[in-house]
C-alpha atoms as a PDB file:
ATOM      1  CA  MET A   1     103.963 125.031 -58.776  1.00  0.00           C
ATOM      2  CA  ILE A   2     102.273 124.990 -55.344  1.00  0.00           C
ATOM      3  CA  ASP A   3     103.899 127.991 -53.669  1.00  0.00           C
ATOM      4  CA  LEU A   4     103.709 127.679 -49.898  1.00  0.00           C
ATOM      5  CA  ARG A   5     106.683 129.948 -49.168  1.00  0.00           C
ATOM      6  CA  SER A   6     104.552 132.864 -47.963  1.00  0.00           C
ATOM      7  CA  ASP A   7     101.211 134.608 -48.306  1.00  0.00           C
ATOM      8  CA  THR A   8     103.118 137.481 -49.865  1.00  0.00           C
ATOM      9  CA  VAL A   9     103.322 135.619 -53.190  1.00  0.00           C
ATOM     10  CA  THR A  10      99.648 136.080 -54.027  1.00  0.00           C
ATOM     11  CA  LYS A  11      98.566 137.502 -57.379  1.00  0.00           C
ATOM     12  CA  PRO A  12      95.618 139.886 -57.753  1.00  0.00           C
ATOM     13  CA  THR A  13      92.312 138.206 -58.563  1.00  0.00           C
ATOM     14  CA  ALA A  14      90.312 139.181 -61.653  1.00  0.00           C
ATOM     15  CA  GLY A  15      87.956 141.295 -59.515  1.00  0.00           C
ATOM     16  CA  MET A  16      90.863 143.042 -57.842  1.00  0.00           C
ATOM     17  CA  LEU A  17      92.488 143.829 -61.223  1.00  0.00           C
ATOM     18  CA  GLN A  18      89.228 145.317 -62.432  1.00  0.00           C
ATOM     19  CA  ALA A  19      89.013 147.485 -59.316  1.00  0.00           C
ATOM     20  CA  MET A  20      92.542 148.706 -59.917  1.00  0.00           C
ATOM     21  CA  MET A  21      91.874 149.528 -63.545  1.00  0.00           C
ATOM     22  CA  SER A  22      88.779 151.582 -62.697  1.00  0.00           C
ATOM     23  CA  ALA A  23      90.313 153.469 -59.737  1.00  0.00           C
ATOM     24  CA  LYS A  24      90.054 157.257 -59.598  1.00  0.00           C
ATOM     25  CA  VAL A  25      93.475 158.613 -58.764  1.00  0.00           C
ATOM     26  CA  GLY A  26      95.283 161.834 -57.951  1.00  0.00           C
ATOM     27  CA  ASP A  27      98.475 162.957 -56.232  1.00  0.00           C
ATOM     28  CA  ASP A  28      98.484 161.426 -52.784  1.00  0.00           C
ATOM     29  CA  VAL A  29     101.371 163.606 -51.538  1.00  0.00           C
ATOM     30  CA  PHE A  30      99.025 166.518 -52.132  1.00  0.00           C
ATOM     31  CA  GLY A  31      96.281 164.522 -50.404  1.00  0.00           C
ATOM     32  CA  GLU A  32      94.347 164.422 -53.683  1.00  0.00           C
ATOM     33  CA  ASP A  33      94.083 160.717 -54.463  1.00  0.00           C
ATOM     34  CA  PRO A  34      90.404 159.737 -53.991  1.00  0.00           C
ATOM     35  CA  ALA A  35      91.085 156.003 -53.744  1.00  0.00           C
ATOM     36  CA  VAL A  36      93.801 156.432 -51.117  1.00  0.00           C
ATOM     37  CA  ASN A  37      91.638 158.783 -49.074  1.00  0.00           C
ATOM     38  CA  GLU A  38      88.743 156.344 -49.254  1.00  0.00           C
ATOM     39  CA  LEU A  39      90.969 153.447 -48.113  1.00  0.00           C
ATOM     40  CA  GLU A  40      92.376 155.407 -45.198  1.00  0.00           C
ATOM     41  CA  GLU A  41      88.913 156.513 -44.074  1.00  0.00           C
ATOM     42  CA  LYS A  42      87.478 153.022 -44.461  1.00  0.00           C
ATOM     43  CA  ILE A  43      90.103 151.155 -42.422  1.00  0.00           C
ATOM     44  CA  ALA A  44      90.185 153.819 -39.718  1.00  0.00           C
ATOM     45  CA  GLY A  45      86.401 153.417 -39.434  1.00  0.00           C
ATOM     46  CA  MET A  46      86.662 149.642 -39.254  1.00  0.00           C
ATOM     47  CA  PHE A  47      88.865 149.959 -36.164  1.00  0.00           C
ATOM     48  CA  ASP A  48      86.962 152.966 -34.794  1.00  0.00           C
ATOM     49  CA  MET A  49      90.150 155.011 -34.850  1.00  0.00           C
ATOM     50  CA  GLU A  50      90.498 158.590 -36.043  1.00  0.00           C
ATOM     51  CA  ALA A  51      92.849 158.395 -39.056  1.00  0.00           C
ATOM     52  CA  ALA A  52      95.064 156.169 -41.183  1.00  0.00           C
ATOM     53  CA  LEU A  53      98.062 156.405 -43.495  1.00  0.00           C
ATOM     54  CA  PHE A  54      98.622 154.263 -46.601  1.00  0.00           C
ATOM     55  CA  CYS A  55     102.217 153.030 -47.022  1.00  0.00           C
ATOM     56  CA  ALA A  56     104.174 150.698 -49.269  1.00  0.00           C
ATOM     57  CA  SER A  57     104.942 147.996 -46.708  1.00  0.00           C
ATOM     58  CA  GLY A  58     104.392 146.705 -43.222  1.00  0.00           C
ATOM     59  CA  THR A  59     108.011 147.373 -42.390  1.00  0.00           C
ATOM     60  CA  MET A  60     107.409 151.029 -43.228  1.00  0.00           C
ATOM     61  CA  THR A  61     104.238 151.289 -41.136  1.00  0.00           C
ATOM     62  CA  ASN A  62     105.965 149.625 -38.170  1.00  0.00           C
ATOM     63  CA  GLN A  63     109.054 151.762 -38.452  1.00  0.00           C
ATOM     64  CA  ILE A  64     107.037 154.958 -38.796  1.00  0.00           C
ATOM     65  CA  ALA A  65     105.046 154.035 -35.673  1.00  0.00           C
ATOM     66  CA  ILE A  66     108.179 153.370 -33.645  1.00  0.00           C
ATOM     67  CA  LYS A  67     109.673 156.672 -34.818  1.00  0.00           C
ATOM     68  CA  CYS A  68     106.462 158.524 -33.878  1.00  0.00           C
ATOM     69  CA  HIS A  69     106.242 157.022 -30.427  1.00  0.00           C
ATOM     70  CA  THR A  70     109.879 157.283 -29.327  1.00  0.00           C
ATOM     71  CA  GLN A  71     112.968 159.457 -29.237  1.00  0.00           C
ATOM     72  CA  PRO A  72     116.612 158.364 -29.431  1.00  0.00           C
ATOM     73  CA  GLY A  73     117.706 156.589 -26.279  1.00  0.00           C
ATOM     74  CA  ASP A  74     114.278 155.092 -25.586  1.00  0.00           C
ATOM     75  CA  GLU A  75     113.687 151.349 -25.436  1.00  0.00           C
ATOM     76  CA  VAL A  76     111.135 149.160 -27.217  1.00  0.00           C
ATOM     77  CA  ILE A  77     109.829 146.052 -25.422  1.00  0.00           C
ATOM     78  CA  CYS A  78     108.872 143.095 -27.648  1.00  0.00           C
ATOM     79  CA  ASP A  79     109.140 139.352 -28.078  1.00  0.00           C
ATOM     80  CA  ARG A  80     112.520 138.110 -29.330  1.00  0.00           C
ATOM     81  CA  LEU A  81     110.804 136.655 -32.446  1.00  0.00           C
ATOM     82  CA  SER A  82     109.069 139.924 -33.368  1.00  0.00           C
ATOM     83  CA  HIS A  83     109.160 140.977 -36.982  1.00  0.00           C
ATOM     84  CA  ILE A  84     110.162 144.519 -35.963  1.00  0.00           C
ATOM     85  CA  TYR A  85     113.349 143.028 -34.468  1.00  0.00           C
ATOM     86  CA  GLN A  86     114.102 140.040 -36.650  1.00  0.00           C
ATOM     87  CA  TYR A  87     113.118 141.197 -40.132  1.00  0.00           C
ATOM     88  CA  GLU A  88     113.236 144.959 -40.476  1.00  0.00           C
ATOM     89  CA  GLY A  89     116.938 145.459 -41.102  1.00  0.00           C
ATOM     90  CA  GLY A  90     117.823 146.854 -37.693  1.00  0.00           C
ATOM     91  CA  GLY A  91     115.399 149.687 -38.338  1.00  0.00           C
ATOM     92  CA  ILE A  92     114.621 150.287 -34.650  1.00  0.00           C
ATOM     93  CA  ALA A  93     118.229 151.377 -34.149  1.00  0.00           C
ATOM     94  CA  PHE A  94     118.804 152.913 -37.576  1.00  0.00           C
ATOM     95  CA  ASN A  95     115.593 154.929 -37.881  1.00  0.00           C
ATOM     96  CA  SER A  96     114.709 155.694 -34.253  1.00  0.00           C
ATOM     97  CA  GLY A  97     117.943 155.357 -32.275  1.00  0.00           C
ATOM     98  CA  CYS A  98     116.242 153.047 -29.813  1.00  0.00           C
ATOM     99  CA  SER A  99     117.412 149.947 -28.014  1.00  0.00           C
ATOM    100  CA  VAL A 100     115.313 146.815 -27.688  1.00  0.00           C
ATOM    101  CA  ASN A 101     114.377 144.768 -24.603  1.00  0.00           C
ATOM    102  CA  LEU A 102     113.665 141.264 -25.848  1.00  0.00           C
ATOM    103  CA  ILE A 103     111.285 138.938 -24.046  1.00  0.00           C
ATOM    104  CA  ASP A 104     111.225 135.142 -24.372  1.00  0.00           C
ATOM    105  CA  GLY A 105     107.545 134.684 -24.945  1.00  0.00           C
ATOM    106  CA  ASN A 106     105.321 131.784 -25.899  1.00  0.00           C
ATOM    107  CA  TYR A 107     105.201 131.249 -29.677  1.00  0.00           C
ATOM    108  CA  GLY A 108     105.889 134.962 -30.184  1.00  0.00           C
ATOM    109  CA  ARG A 109     103.407 136.145 -27.558  1.00  0.00           C
ATOM    110  CA  ILE A 110     104.347 137.932 -24.344  1.00  0.00           C
ATOM    111  CA  THR A 111     102.453 138.422 -21.088  1.00  0.00           C
ATOM    112  CA  ALA A 112     101.610 141.376 -18.883  1.00  0.00           C
ATOM    113  CA  GLU A 113     103.864 139.986 -16.166  1.00  0.00           C
ATOM    114  CA  GLN A 114     106.789 139.797 -18.583  1.00  0.00           C
ATOM    115  CA  VAL A 115     106.200 143.344 -19.792  1.00  0.00           C
ATOM    116  CA  GLU A 116     106.091 144.644 -16.229  1.00  0.00           C
ATOM    117  CA  ALA A 117     109.332 142.859 -15.390  1.00  0.00           C
ATOM    118  CA  ALA A 118     111.031 144.335 -18.482  1.00  0.00           C
ATOM    119  CA  ILE A 119     110.332 147.992 -17.646  1.00  0.00           C
ATOM    120  CA  ASN A 120     113.507 149.820 -16.661  1.00  0.00           C
ATOM    121  CA  ASN A 121     113.729 152.105 -13.645  1.00  0.00           C
ATOM    122  CA  ARG A 122     113.011 155.540 -15.130  1.00  0.00           C
ATOM    123  CA  ASN A 123     115.066 157.167 -12.380  1.00  0.00           C
ATOM    124  CA  ASP A 124     118.199 155.219 -13.300  1.00  0.00           C
ATOM    125  CA  ALA A 125     120.174 157.260 -15.822  1.00  0.00           C
ATOM    126  CA  HIS A 126     122.206 154.166 -16.767  1.00  0.00           C
ATOM    127  CA  LYS A 127     119.170 152.508 -18.303  1.00  0.00           C
ATOM    128  CA  ALA A 128     117.398 153.156 -21.569  1.00  0.00           C
ATOM    129  CA  TYR A 129     113.996 154.757 -21.089  1.00  0.00           C
ATOM    130  CA  SER A 130     111.235 152.146 -21.521  1.00  0.00           C
ATOM    131  CA  LYS A 131     108.718 153.817 -23.834  1.00  0.00           C
ATOM    132  CA  LEU A 132     106.971 151.464 -26.199  1.00  0.00           C
ATOM    133  CA  VAL A 133     105.588 147.905 -26.154  1.00  0.00           C
ATOM    134  CA  SER A 134     105.042 146.220 -29.499  1.00  0.00           C
ATOM    135  CA  LEU A 135     102.915 143.089 -29.948  1.00  0.00           C
ATOM    136  CA  GLU A 136     102.616 141.000 -33.113  1.00  0.00           C
ATOM    137  CA  ASN A 137      99.291 139.300 -33.911  1.00  0.00           C
ATOM    138  CA  THR A 138      99.402 136.823 -35.496  1.00  0.00           C
ATOM    139  CA  ALA A 139     103.024 136.040 -34.609  1.00  0.00           C
ATOM    140  CA  ASN A 140     104.815 134.981 -37.785  1.00  0.00           C
ATOM    141  CA  ARG A 141     107.745 133.125 -36.209  1.00  0.00           C
ATOM    142  CA  GLY A 142     105.358 131.755 -33.607  1.00  0.00           C
ATOM    143  CA  GLY A 143     103.636 129.717 -36.323  1.00  0.00           C
ATOM    144  CA  GLY A 144     100.804 132.187 -36.886  1.00  0.00           C
ATOM    145  CA  SER A 145      99.843 132.116 -33.192  1.00  0.00           C
ATOM    146  CA  CYS A 146      97.077 134.395 -31.908  1.00  0.00           C
ATOM    147  CA  TYR A 147      96.863 136.361 -28.688  1.00  0.00           C
ATOM    148  CA  ASN A 148      93.933 135.809 -26.367  1.00  0.00           C
ATOM    149  CA  PHE A 149      92.280 139.232 -26.153  1.00  0.00           C
ATOM    150  CA  ASP A 150      92.186 139.146 -22.340  1.00  0.00           C
ATOM    151  CA  ASP A 151      95.971 138.890 -22.374  1.00  0.00           C
ATOM    152  CA  ILE A 152      96.160 141.985 -24.580  1.00  0.00           C
ATOM    153  CA  LYS A 153      93.914 143.839 -22.126  1.00  0.00           C
ATOM    154  CA  ALA A 154      96.207 142.865 -19.273  1.00  0.00           C
ATOM    155  CA  ILE A 155      99.255 144.189 -21.145  1.00  0.00           C
ATOM    156  CA  LYS A 156      97.382 147.433 -21.820  1.00  0.00           C
ATOM    157  CA  LYS A 157      96.768 147.893 -18.093  1.00  0.00           C
ATOM    158  CA  VAL A 158     100.498 147.542 -17.423  1.00  0.00           C
ATOM    159  CA  CYS A 159     101.215 150.075 -20.158  1.00  0.00           C
ATOM    160  CA  GLU A 160      98.726 152.567 -18.734  1.00  0.00           C
ATOM    161  CA  ALA A 161     100.119 152.155 -15.235  1.00  0.00           C
ATOM    162  CA  ASN A 162     103.678 152.745 -16.410  1.00  0.00           C
ATOM    163  CA  ASN A 163     103.194 155.442 -19.061  1.00  0.00           C
ATOM    164  CA  LEU A 164     104.051 153.064 -21.913  1.00  0.00           C
ATOM    165  CA  LEU A 165     102.624 153.288 -25.420  1.00  0.00           C
ATOM    166  CA  LEU A 166     101.314 150.166 -27.130  1.00  0.00           C
ATOM    167  CA  HIS A 167     101.785 149.369 -30.834  1.00  0.00           C
ATOM    168  CA  LEU A 168     100.398 146.413 -32.742  1.00  0.00           C
ATOM    169  CA  ASP A 169     102.207 144.858 -35.653  1.00  0.00           C
ATOM    170  CA  GLY A 170      99.051 143.471 -37.201  1.00  0.00           C
ATOM    171  CA  ALA A 171     100.586 142.241 -40.412  1.00  0.00           C
ATOM    172  CA  ARG A 172      98.214 139.255 -40.289  1.00  0.00           C
ATOM    173  CA  LEU A 173      95.708 140.710 -37.814  1.00  0.00           C
ATOM    174  CA  PHE A 174      92.724 139.755 -39.897  1.00  0.00           C
ATOM    175  CA  ASN A 175      93.812 136.107 -39.685  1.00  0.00           C
ATOM    176  CA  ALA A 176      93.627 136.433 -35.887  1.00  0.00           C
ATOM    177  CA  ILE A 177      90.312 138.278 -35.999  1.00  0.00           C
ATOM    178  CA  VAL A 178      88.752 135.560 -38.183  1.00  0.00           C
ATOM    179  CA  ALA A 179      90.291 132.682 -36.212  1.00  0.00           C
ATOM    180  CA  LYS A 180      89.212 134.076 -32.820  1.00  0.00           C
ATOM    181  CA  ASN A 181      85.880 135.580 -33.998  1.00  0.00           C
ATOM    182  CA  GLU A 182      86.874 139.040 -32.790  1.00  0.00           C
ATOM    183  CA  LEU A 183      85.947 142.629 -33.674  1.00  0.00           C
ATOM    184  CA  GLU A 184      88.252 145.152 -35.301  1.00  0.00           C
ATOM    185  CA  LYS A 185      86.917 147.958 -33.082  1.00  0.00           C
ATOM    186  CA  ASP A 186      88.058 146.162 -29.937  1.00  0.00           C
ATOM    187  CA  TYR A 187      91.642 146.461 -31.163  1.00  0.00           C
ATOM    188  CA  GLY A 188      91.131 150.151 -31.905  1.00  0.00           C
ATOM    189  CA  LYS A 189      90.172 150.695 -28.256  1.00  0.00           C
ATOM    190  CA  ILE A 190      93.359 149.111 -26.925  1.00  0.00           C
ATOM    191  CA  PHE A 191      96.283 150.157 -29.117  1.00  0.00           C
ATOM    192  CA  ASP A 192      97.894 153.546 -29.627  1.00  0.00           C
ATOM    193  CA  SER A 193      98.729 152.502 -33.193  1.00  0.00           C
ATOM    194  CA  VAL A 194      97.934 149.563 -35.410  1.00  0.00           C
ATOM    195  CA  SER A 195      99.807 148.421 -38.550  1.00  0.00           C
ATOM    196  CA  ILE A 196      97.817 146.334 -41.019  1.00  0.00           C
ATOM    197  CA  CYS A 197      99.413 144.582 -44.016  1.00  0.00           C
ATOM    198  CA  ILE A 198      96.996 144.058 -46.877  1.00  0.00           C
ATOM    199  CA  SER A 199      99.513 142.380 -49.215  1.00  0.00           C
ATOM    200  CA  LYS A 200      99.631 139.130 -47.257  1.00  0.00           C
ATOM    201  CA  GLY A 201      96.578 136.939 -46.655  1.00  0.00           C
ATOM    202  CA  LEU A 202      94.206 139.553 -48.028  1.00  0.00           C
ATOM    203  CA  GLY A 203      95.984 139.329 -51.376  1.00  0.00           C
ATOM    204  CA  ALA A 204      96.682 142.923 -52.449  1.00  0.00           C
ATOM    205  CA  PRO A 205      99.871 143.317 -54.530  1.00  0.00           C
ATOM    206  CA  VAL A 206     101.244 146.196 -52.416  1.00  0.00           C
ATOM    207  CA  GLY A 207     100.197 148.081 -49.329  1.00  0.00           C
ATOM    208  CA  SER A 208      99.977 148.469 -45.575  1.00  0.00           C
ATOM    209  CA  VAL A 209      98.064 150.934 -43.453  1.00  0.00           C
ATOM    210  CA  LEU A 210      98.992 152.591 -40.171  1.00  0.00           C
ATOM    211  CA  ILE A 211      96.068 153.635 -37.959  1.00  0.00           C
ATOM    212  CA  GLY A 212      95.931 155.957 -34.942  1.00  0.00           C
ATOM    213  CA  THR A 213      94.781 159.402 -33.748  1.00  0.00           C
ATOM    214  CA  LYS A 214      94.670 162.391 -36.087  1.00  0.00           C
ATOM    215  CA  ASP A 215      97.684 163.940 -34.412  1.00  0.00           C
ATOM    216  CA  PHE A 216      99.621 160.648 -34.590  1.00  0.00           C
ATOM    217  CA  ILE A 217      98.853 160.197 -38.273  1.00  0.00           C
ATOM    218  CA  LYS A 218      99.772 163.838 -39.015  1.00  0.00           C
ATOM    219  CA  LYS A 219     103.203 163.144 -37.505  1.00  0.00           C
ATOM    220  CA  ALA A 220     103.383 159.757 -39.259  1.00  0.00           C
ATOM    221  CA  ARG A 221     102.722 161.418 -42.652  1.00  0.00           C
ATOM    222  CA  ARG A 222     105.724 163.693 -42.141  1.00  0.00           C
ATOM    223  CA  ILE A 223     107.926 160.742 -41.186  1.00  0.00           C
ATOM    224  CA  ARG A 224     106.684 158.787 -44.208  1.00  0.00           C
ATOM    225  CA  LYS A 225     107.926 161.670 -46.349  1.00  0.00           C
ATOM    226  CA  VAL A 226     111.313 161.614 -44.609  1.00  0.00           C
ATOM    227  CA  PHE A 227     111.509 157.859 -45.251  1.00  0.00           C
ATOM    228  CA  GLY A 228     110.909 158.458 -48.948  1.00  0.00           C
ATOM    229  CA  GLY A 229     107.474 156.832 -48.692  1.00  0.00           C
ATOM    230  CA  GLY A 230     105.329 159.478 -50.345  1.00  0.00           C
ATOM    231  CA  MET A 231     103.551 157.984 -53.391  1.00  0.00           C
ATOM    232  CA  ARG A 232     101.813 159.893 -56.151  1.00  0.00           C
ATOM    233  CA  GLN A 233      98.986 158.165 -58.028  1.00  0.00           C
ATOM    234  CA  ALA A 234      98.866 155.412 -55.444  1.00  0.00           C
ATOM    235  CA  GLY A 235      95.114 154.951 -55.893  1.00  0.00           C
ATOM    236  CA  PHE A 236      95.599 151.988 -58.199  1.00  0.00           C
ATOM    237  CA  LEU A 237      97.213 150.185 -55.277  1.00  0.00           C
ATOM    238  CA  ALA A 238      94.727 151.509 -52.748  1.00  0.00           C
ATOM    239  CA  ALA A 239      91.868 150.214 -54.930  1.00  0.00           C
ATOM    240  CA  ALA A 240      93.335 146.711 -54.687  1.00  0.00           C
ATOM    241  CA  CYS A 241      93.453 147.063 -50.894  1.00  0.00           C
ATOM    242  CA  MET A 242      89.859 148.276 -50.821  1.00  0.00           C
ATOM    243  CA  TYR A 243      88.791 145.268 -52.857  1.00  0.00           C
ATOM    244  CA  ALA A 244      90.694 142.986 -50.483  1.00  0.00           C
ATOM    245  CA  LEU A 245      88.997 144.458 -47.436  1.00  0.00           C
ATOM    246  CA  ASP A 246      85.586 144.065 -49.046  1.00  0.00           C
ATOM    247  CA  ASN A 247      86.054 140.557 -50.406  1.00  0.00           C
ATOM    248  CA  HIS A 248      88.934 138.643 -48.841  1.00  0.00           C
ATOM    249  CA  ILE A 249      88.554 138.777 -45.059  1.00  0.00           C
ATOM    250  CA  GLU A 250      86.032 136.008 -44.353  1.00  0.00           C
ATOM    251  CA  ARG A 251      87.688 133.680 -46.899  1.00  0.00           C
ATOM    252  CA  LEU A 252      90.781 133.538 -44.625  1.00  0.00           C
ATOM    253  CA  GLN A 253      88.938 130.671 -42.891  1.00  0.00           C
ATOM    254  CA  GLN A 254      89.693 128.596 -45.976  1.00  0.00           C
ATOM    255  CA  ASP A 255      93.417 129.267 -45.642  1.00  0.00           C
ATOM    256  CA  HIS A 256      93.298 128.214 -42.011  1.00  0.00           C
ATOM    257  CA  TYR A 257      91.469 124.995 -42.957  1.00  0.00           C
ATOM    258  CA  HIS A 258      94.037 124.230 -45.679  1.00  0.00           C
ATOM    259  CA  ALA A 259      96.869 124.749 -43.180  1.00  0.00           C
ATOM    260  CA  SER A 260      95.234 122.397 -40.699  1.00  0.00           C
ATOM    261  CA  ARG A 261      94.952 119.667 -43.358  1.00  0.00           C
ATOM    262  CA  LEU A 262      98.619 120.021 -44.304  1.00  0.00           C
ATOM    263  CA  ALA A 263      99.629 120.006 -40.633  1.00  0.00           C
ATOM    264  CA  GLU A 264      97.703 116.841 -39.903  1.00  0.00           C
ATOM    265  CA  THR A 265      99.441 115.066 -42.811  1.00  0.00           C
ATOM    266  CA  LEU A 266     102.886 116.263 -41.757  1.00  0.00           C
ATOM    267  CA  ARG A 267     102.350 115.079 -38.195  1.00  0.00           C
ATOM    268  CA  GLN A 268     102.111 111.497 -39.462  1.00  0.00           C
ATOM    269  CA  LYS A 269     105.540 111.553 -41.059  1.00  0.00           C
ATOM    270  CA  ASP A 270     108.660 110.221 -39.358  1.00  0.00           C
ATOM    271  CA  PHE A 271     110.711 113.182 -40.540  1.00  0.00           C
ATOM    272  CA  THR A 272     108.461 115.643 -38.686  1.00  0.00           C
ATOM    273  CA  GLY A 273     109.567 116.633 -35.214  1.00  0.00           C
ATOM    274  CA  GLU A 274     108.045 119.326 -33.020  1.00  0.00           C
ATOM    275  CA  MET A 275     105.340 121.371 -34.762  1.00  0.00           C
ATOM    276  CA  TYR A 276     104.099 124.690 -33.481  1.00  0.00           C
ATOM    277  CA  PRO A 277     100.324 124.862 -32.855  1.00  0.00           C
ATOM    278  CA  VAL A 278      98.586 125.672 -36.132  1.00  0.00           C
ATOM    279  CA  GLU A 279      95.991 128.338 -35.398  1.00  0.00           C
ATOM    280  CA  THR A 280      95.885 130.206 -38.679  1.00  0.00           C
ATOM    281  CA  ASN A 281      97.616 129.909 -42.045  1.00  0.00           C
ATOM    282  CA  ILE A 282     101.238 129.211 -40.991  1.00  0.00           C
ATOM    283  CA  ILE A 283     102.849 125.837 -40.331  1.00  0.00           C
ATOM    284  CA  ILE A 284     106.302 125.678 -38.716  1.00  0.00           C
ATOM    285  CA  PHE A 285     107.742 122.261 -37.942  1.00  0.00           C
ATOM    286  CA  GLN A 286     111.039 120.661 -37.025  1.00  0.00           C
ATOM    287  CA  VAL A 287     112.658 118.295 -39.543  1.00  0.00           C
ATOM    288  CA  LYS A 288     114.509 115.267 -38.245  1.00  0.00           C
ATOM    289  CA  GLY A 289     115.806 111.872 -39.387  1.00  0.00           C
ATOM    290  CA  LYS A 290     116.581 111.378 -43.067  1.00  0.00           C
ATOM    291  CA  TYR A 291     116.217 115.048 -44.055  1.00  0.00           C
ATOM    292  CA  THR A 292     117.619 118.337 -42.974  1.00  0.00           C
ATOM    293  CA  ALA A 293     115.257 121.291 -43.353  1.00  0.00           C
ATOM    294  CA  SER A 294     116.943 122.458 -46.551  1.00  0.00           C
ATOM    295  CA  GLN A 295     116.963 118.917 -47.964  1.00  0.00           C
ATOM    296  CA  LEU A 296     113.237 118.533 -47.323  1.00  0.00           C
ATOM    297  CA  ALA A 297     112.551 121.878 -48.997  1.00  0.00           C
ATOM    298  CA  GLU A 298     114.559 120.732 -52.017  1.00  0.00           C
ATOM    299  CA  VAL A 299     112.682 117.395 -52.236  1.00  0.00           C
ATOM    300  CA  LEU A 300     109.381 119.239 -52.072  1.00  0.00           C
ATOM    301  CA  LYS A 301     110.560 121.609 -54.804  1.00  0.00           C
ATOM    302  CA  LYS A 302     111.346 118.679 -57.072  1.00  0.00           C
ATOM    303  CA  ASN A 303     107.692 117.695 -56.578  1.00  0.00           C
ATOM    304  CA  ASP A 304     106.444 121.205 -57.513  1.00  0.00           C
ATOM    305  CA  ILE A 305     105.903 122.363 -53.934  1.00  0.00           C
ATOM    306  CA  LEU A 306     107.741 125.424 -52.614  1.00  0.00           C
ATOM    307  CA  ALA A 307     108.438 125.772 -48.880  1.00  0.00           C
ATOM    308  CA  ILE A 308     111.085 127.629 -46.895  1.00  0.00           C
ATOM    309  CA  ALA A 309     113.761 126.251 -44.584  1.00  0.00           C
ATOM    310  CA  ILE A 310     113.694 129.045 -41.987  1.00  0.00           C
ATOM    311  CA  SER A 311     116.552 127.457 -40.007  1.00  0.00           C
ATOM    312  CA  LYS A 312     118.764 124.425 -40.164  1.00  0.00           C
ATOM    313  CA  THR A 313     116.031 122.371 -38.476  1.00  0.00           C
ATOM    314  CA  GLN A 314     112.704 124.060 -39.321  1.00  0.00           C
ATOM    315  CA  VAL A 315     110.519 124.404 -42.405  1.00  0.00           C
ATOM    316  CA  ARG A 316     107.702 126.902 -42.812  1.00  0.00           C
ATOM    317  CA  MET A 317     104.633 126.580 -45.039  1.00  0.00           C
ATOM    318  CA  VAL A 318     102.011 129.292 -45.501  1.00  0.00           C
ATOM    319  CA  THR A 319      98.594 128.946 -47.146  1.00  0.00           C
ATOM    320  CA  HIS A 320      96.929 131.793 -49.011  1.00  0.00           C
ATOM    321  CA  LEU A 321      94.202 132.706 -51.517  1.00  0.00           C
ATOM    322  CA  ASN A 322      96.092 131.343 -54.531  1.00  0.00           C
ATOM    323  CA  ILE A 323      96.246 127.890 -52.953  1.00  0.00           C
ATOM    324  CA  THR A 324      93.215 125.856 -53.947  1.00  0.00           C
ATOM    325  CA  SER A 325      91.702 122.761 -52.330  1.00  0.00           C
ATOM    326  CA  ALA A 326      93.004 120.745 -55.277  1.00  0.00           C
ATOM    327  CA  MET A 327      96.515 122.013 -54.616  1.00  0.00           C
ATOM    328  CA  ILE A 328      96.236 120.982 -50.978  1.00  0.00           C
ATOM    329  CA  ASP A 329      95.090 117.500 -52.097  1.00  0.00           C
ATOM    330  CA  GLU A 330      98.104 117.272 -54.388  1.00  0.00           C
ATOM    331  CA  ALA A 331     100.534 118.470 -51.682  1.00  0.00           C
ATOM    332  CA  ILE A 332      99.091 115.936 -49.225  1.00  0.00           C
ATOM    333  CA  GLU A 333      99.600 113.133 -51.768  1.00  0.00           C
ATOM    334  CA  VAL A 334     103.230 114.163 -52.311  1.00  0.00           C
ATOM    335  CA  ILE A 335     103.933 114.371 -48.583  1.00  0.00           C
ATOM    336  CA  ASN A 336     102.311 110.982 -47.986  1.00  0.00           C
ATOM    337  CA  HIS A 337     104.774 109.409 -50.439  1.00  0.00           C
ATOM    338  CA  LEU A 338     107.882 110.953 -48.913  1.00  0.00           C
END
């Protein structure tokens, strides 16, 4: 089966499994797991930030960050397609007691001008207090779209001028960094907190990391405990993440190339309508004519290809490290015969 549903379906490689088996572990709640401590120090250093916190999921790192940065009654500004709003179970309201100001961006990306226009009058007691801006890079529901770094800098200036904090949902940030030839440390200079998911394109079985200042991470560690996120001998998982950071970043280029090949084939088909620009490893396209989105997904499944109908009219495909060039060739042949 060629599984293009998500880059979360990856299985650990042989090298990653060996790293997990040989990990030195301890009780992370006591701060005594060597592998976890090494991972947190490593990724904080990569982004030139002070500290990091290992968590079970990207939803947890995002929700902890929002809780750290806000208090009940505050408002979070983000794109309407943002993962923190669409796919985290209403956690902004449930965990932090915050409202959300949604912006209609461009493929999941918002601009400095839009952020500035969304800021509420802090002197108007009728309005929620604008406190946090959250960006997503790459933007999942934007088809894996990437921000231009100059646009992020412009948003930061607006945040600084208006006493707003800036969080990055970087679930697939390394895809953006590789695609745009950027540096991790540049992101560390801009954002007040960064969430990195290592269980997507980088291929770890479990794990996300939240990065920020020492004081921020100290507060985040307490909130992780409140959320039930303290793990004990988590070093086996941290070792997989370490291996991913050491071995699976540059190879993301291959996933992007595979996605571009699939996209080019799909564009030639009469059942393909509008397709979002394919910048990284995600393809989102409209289905028209003889298929609905769910019907096309079912036809693909009968041909041993798994994809997701993300709406009545759209299908999503995602490439990842378990998808080989031979699998892409096979998928292209199947699509060509539909």
